[in-house]
Protein backbone atom coordinates (compact mmCIF):
# COMPACT_ATOMS: atom_id res chain seq x y z
CA UNK A 1 -33.13 -6.53 -4.10
CA UNK A 2 -30.97 -4.73 -6.60
CA UNK A 3 -31.15 -5.40 -10.30
CA UNK A 4 -28.00 -6.39 -12.23
CA UNK A 5 -28.07 -2.95 -13.85
CA UNK A 6 -28.06 -1.23 -10.44
CA UNK A 7 -25.29 -3.50 -9.23
CA UNK A 8 -23.20 -2.70 -12.30
CA UNK A 9 -23.60 1.03 -11.62
CA UNK A 10 -22.50 0.56 -8.01
CA UNK A 11 -19.46 -1.40 -9.15
CA UNK A 12 -18.62 1.25 -11.73
CA UNK A 13 -18.84 4.03 -9.14
CA UNK A 14 -16.54 1.99 -6.89
CA UNK A 15 -13.95 1.91 -9.69
CA UNK A 16 -14.36 -1.76 -10.58
CA UNK A 17 -14.12 -2.68 -14.24
CA UNK A 18 -17.21 -4.51 -15.44
CA UNK A 19 -17.76 -6.39 -18.70
CA UNK A 20 -19.69 -4.51 -21.38
CA UNK A 21 -23.41 -5.15 -21.68
CA UNK A 22 -24.15 -7.46 -24.62
CA UNK A 23 -26.07 -5.97 -27.54
CA UNK A 24 -28.37 -7.54 -30.11
CA UNK A 25 -28.46 -6.29 -33.70
CA UNK A 26 -30.52 -8.76 -35.68
CA UNK A 27 -33.49 -11.01 -34.79
CA UNK A 28 -31.39 -14.00 -35.79
CA UNK A 29 -29.00 -13.17 -32.95
CA UNK A 30 -31.73 -13.32 -30.27
CA UNK A 31 -30.65 -16.72 -28.90
CA UNK A 32 -26.99 -15.67 -28.80
CA UNK A 33 -28.01 -12.45 -27.06
CA UNK A 34 -29.92 -14.34 -24.37
CA UNK A 35 -26.92 -16.55 -23.63
CA UNK A 36 -24.60 -13.54 -23.54
CA UNK A 37 -27.00 -11.59 -21.32
CA UNK A 38 -27.23 -14.47 -18.84
CA UNK A 39 -23.44 -14.73 -18.73
CA UNK A 40 -23.19 -10.96 -18.16
CA UNK A 41 -25.68 -11.14 -15.27
CA UNK A 42 -23.74 -14.03 -13.66
CA UNK A 43 -20.48 -12.07 -13.95
CA UNK A 44 -22.06 -8.95 -12.41
CA UNK A 45 -23.48 -11.05 -9.57
CA UNK A 46 -20.05 -12.57 -8.87
CA UNK A 47 -18.31 -9.18 -8.93
CA UNK A 48 -20.95 -7.64 -6.70
CA UNK A 49 -20.73 -10.50 -4.18
CA UNK A 50 -16.96 -10.06 -3.92
CA UNK A 51 -17.38 -6.29 -3.59
CA UNK A 52 -19.93 -6.62 -0.77
CA UNK A 53 -17.86 -9.24 1.07
CA UNK A 54 -14.74 -7.07 0.82
CA UNK A 55 -16.59 -4.04 2.21
CA UNK A 56 -18.06 -6.10 5.06
CA UNK A 57 -14.64 -7.50 6.00
CA UNK A 58 -13.13 -4.01 5.99
CA UNK A 59 -15.93 -2.72 8.22
CA UNK A 60 -15.36 -5.55 10.68
CA UNK A 61 -11.63 -4.84 10.76
CA UNK A 62 -12.25 -1.13 11.27
CA UNK A 63 -14.69 -1.81 14.11
CA UNK A 64 -12.35 -4.23 15.88
CA UNK A 65 -9.21 -2.07 15.65
CA UNK A 66 -9.92 0.36 18.52
CA UNK A 67 -10.88 -2.50 20.85
CA UNK A 68 -7.73 -4.42 19.92
CA UNK A 69 -5.54 -1.39 20.58
CA UNK A 70 -7.25 -0.72 23.91
CA UNK A 71 -6.73 -4.33 25.07
CA UNK A 72 -3.14 -4.26 23.92
CA UNK A 73 -2.37 -1.26 26.13
CA UNK A 74 -3.48 -3.21 29.19
CA UNK A 75 -2.04 -6.63 28.32
CA UNK A 76 1.41 -5.65 27.11
CA UNK A 77 2.96 -6.85 30.36
CA UNK A 78 3.30 -3.27 31.52
CA UNK A 79 6.25 -2.64 29.23
CA UNK A 80 4.52 0.01 27.16
CA UNK A 81 1.66 0.82 29.50
CA UNK A 82 -0.32 3.89 28.52
CA UNK A 83 -3.21 5.30 30.45
CA UNK A 84 -6.29 5.60 28.21
CA UNK A 85 -7.16 9.18 27.30
CA UNK A 86 -10.45 9.08 29.19
CA UNK A 87 -8.77 8.76 32.66
């Protein structure tokens, strides 16, 4: 399992803008920092989930494209029939 920090680095490398990491300056701000840190982690998790789902969908489309094109050659009613390159 990846940590939120690792996920944020992956998102950054992929060119996705991520929110800045919250910082704490004074002990009195500790409670505020915890709330901000939890919100940051939730946002990173949401962004990472969308990123992973988008990549998975693209992979599925890329994998299905050659099969779709091959079937289309044979089921086009013979109008644009092309012999596959392997024959």
